[in-house]
Amino acid sequence: MRTLVLGGTRSGKSARAERLLADRPAVRYLATGAPPDPADLGWARRVQTHRDRRDDRYVVVETLDLAAQLRAH
């Protein structure tokens, strides 16, 4: 099953997706967004917060090319 959660920047997409997946034993999660930039500490912290929230059930793919990832699987 695939679930696509859309929304604007800082709209709660990640939290919503994680709630939808809370009862799943294994999750492949496509995280879209620019990689952390050491010069942008705020963004780096936000990315790390998201990473820290996800447990070992998650296989996280961080990508800027969502369409390619969806076609690949």
C-alpha atoms as a PDB file:
ATOM      1  CA  MET A   1       0.000   0.000   0.000  1.00  0.00           C
ATOM      2  CA  ARG A   2       1.189   3.542  -0.733  1.00  0.00           C
ATOM      3  CA  THR A   3       0.075   6.683   1.000  1.00  0.00           C
ATOM      4  CA  LEU A   4       1.043  10.115  -0.280  1.00  0.00           C
ATOM      5  CA  VAL A   5       0.794  13.010   2.149  1.00  0.00           C
ATOM      6  CA  LEU A   6       0.952  16.447   0.537  1.00  0.00           C
ATOM      7  CA  GLY A   7       1.123  19.898   2.021  1.00  0.00           C
ATOM      8  CA  GLY A   8       3.098  23.073   2.257  1.00  0.00           C
ATOM      9  CA  THR A   9       6.309  23.694   4.122  1.00  0.00           C
ATOM     10  CA  ARG A  10       5.924  23.102   7.871  1.00  0.00           C
ATOM     11  CA  SER A  11       2.323  21.956   7.424  1.00  0.00           C
ATOM     12  CA  GLY A  12       2.687  18.800   9.506  1.00  0.00           C
ATOM     13  CA  LYS A  13       3.090  16.304   6.632  1.00  0.00           C
ATOM     14  CA  SER A  14       5.677  14.189   8.418  1.00  0.00           C
ATOM     15  CA  ALA A  15       3.764  13.996  11.692  1.00  0.00           C
ATOM     16  CA  ARG A  16       0.562  13.112   9.804  1.00  0.00           C
ATOM     17  CA  ALA A  17       2.318  10.395   7.810  1.00  0.00           C
ATOM     18  CA  GLU A  18       3.905   8.947  10.930  1.00  0.00           C
ATOM     19  CA  ARG A  19       0.518   8.816  12.679  1.00  0.00           C
ATOM     20  CA  LEU A  20      -0.986   7.004   9.667  1.00  0.00           C
ATOM     21  CA  LEU A  21       1.854   4.467   9.794  1.00  0.00           C
ATOM     22  CA  ALA A  22       1.962   4.003  13.564  1.00  0.00           C
ATOM     23  CA  ASP A  23       0.593   0.448  13.479  1.00  0.00           C
ATOM     24  CA  ARG A  24       2.675  -0.794  10.532  1.00  0.00           C
ATOM     25  CA  PRO A  25       5.432  -3.293  11.316  1.00  0.00           C
ATOM     26  CA  ALA A  26       7.711  -2.025   8.521  1.00  0.00           C
ATOM     27  CA  VAL A  27       7.719   1.238   6.611  1.00  0.00           C
ATOM     28  CA  ARG A  28       9.588   2.510   3.563  1.00  0.00           C
ATOM     29  CA  TYR A  29       9.419   6.266   3.988  1.00  0.00           C
ATOM     30  CA  LEU A  30      10.307   8.765   1.289  1.00  0.00           C
ATOM     31  CA  ALA A  31      11.404  11.991   2.927  1.00  0.00           C
ATOM     32  CA  THR A  32      11.540  14.868   0.480  1.00  0.00           C
ATOM     33  CA  GLY A  33      13.510  18.020   1.034  1.00  0.00           C
ATOM     34  CA  ALA A  34      16.954  19.450   0.659  1.00  0.00           C
ATOM     35  CA  PRO A  35      19.735  17.670   2.536  1.00  0.00           C
ATOM     36  CA  PRO A  36      20.856  19.389   5.734  1.00  0.00           C
ATOM     37  CA  ASP A  37      23.243  22.248   5.151  1.00  0.00           C
ATOM     38  CA  PRO A  38      25.785  22.815   7.945  1.00  0.00           C
ATOM     39  CA  ALA A  39      25.477  26.554   7.262  1.00  0.00           C
ATOM     40  CA  ASP A  40      21.737  26.425   8.010  1.00  0.00           C
ATOM     41  CA  LEU A  41      21.550  25.183  11.584  1.00  0.00           C
ATOM     42  CA  GLY A  42      17.775  25.590  11.763  1.00  0.00           C
ATOM     43  CA  TRP A  43      17.190  23.302   8.802  1.00  0.00           C
ATOM     44  CA  ALA A  44      19.794  20.814  10.034  1.00  0.00           C
ATOM     45  CA  ARG A  45      18.005  20.641  13.418  1.00  0.00           C
ATOM     46  CA  ARG A  46      14.610  20.145  11.763  1.00  0.00           C
ATOM     47  CA  VAL A  47      15.938  17.272   9.649  1.00  0.00           C
ATOM     48  CA  GLN A  48      17.604  15.672  12.669  1.00  0.00           C
ATOM     49  CA  THR A  49      14.395  15.974  14.693  1.00  0.00           C
ATOM     50  CA  HIS A  50      12.534  14.095  11.973  1.00  0.00           C
ATOM     51  CA  ARG A  51      15.239  11.423  11.797  1.00  0.00           C
ATOM     52  CA  ASP A  52      15.248  10.966  15.563  1.00  0.00           C
ATOM     53  CA  ARG A  53      11.472  10.471  15.649  1.00  0.00           C
ATOM     54  CA  ARG A  54      11.535   7.443  13.372  1.00  0.00           C
ATOM     55  CA  ASP A  55      12.323   4.087  14.909  1.00  0.00           C
ATOM     56  CA  ASP A  56      13.922   0.993  13.404  1.00  0.00           C
ATOM     57  CA  ARG A  57      10.706   0.006  11.580  1.00  0.00           C
ATOM     58  CA  TYR A  58      11.493   2.763   9.090  1.00  0.00           C
ATOM     59  CA  VAL A  59      13.669   2.469   6.019  1.00  0.00           C
ATOM     60  CA  VAL A  60      14.020   6.143   5.151  1.00  0.00           C
ATOM     61  CA  VAL A  61      14.946   7.331   1.687  1.00  0.00           C
ATOM     62  CA  GLU A  62      15.818  11.012   1.658  1.00  0.00           C
ATOM     63  CA  THR A  63      15.351  12.305  -1.869  1.00  0.00           C
ATOM     64  CA  LEU A  64      14.604  15.351  -3.940  1.00  0.00           C
ATOM     65  CA  ASP A  65      13.362  13.172  -6.813  1.00  0.00           C
ATOM     66  CA  LEU A  66      10.137  11.711  -5.507  1.00  0.00           C
ATOM     67  CA  ALA A  67       8.868  10.696  -8.964  1.00  0.00           C
ATOM     68  CA  ALA A  68      11.965   8.588  -9.652  1.00  0.00           C
ATOM     69  CA  GLN A  69      11.652   6.840  -6.285  1.00  0.00           C
ATOM     70  CA  LEU A  70       7.987   6.072  -6.856  1.00  0.00           C
ATOM     71  CA  ARG A  71       8.745   4.654 -10.318  1.00  0.00           C
ATOM     72  CA  ALA A  72      11.598   2.522  -8.952  1.00  0.00           C
ATOM     73  CA  HIS A  73       9.359   0.460  -6.651  1.00  0.00           C
END
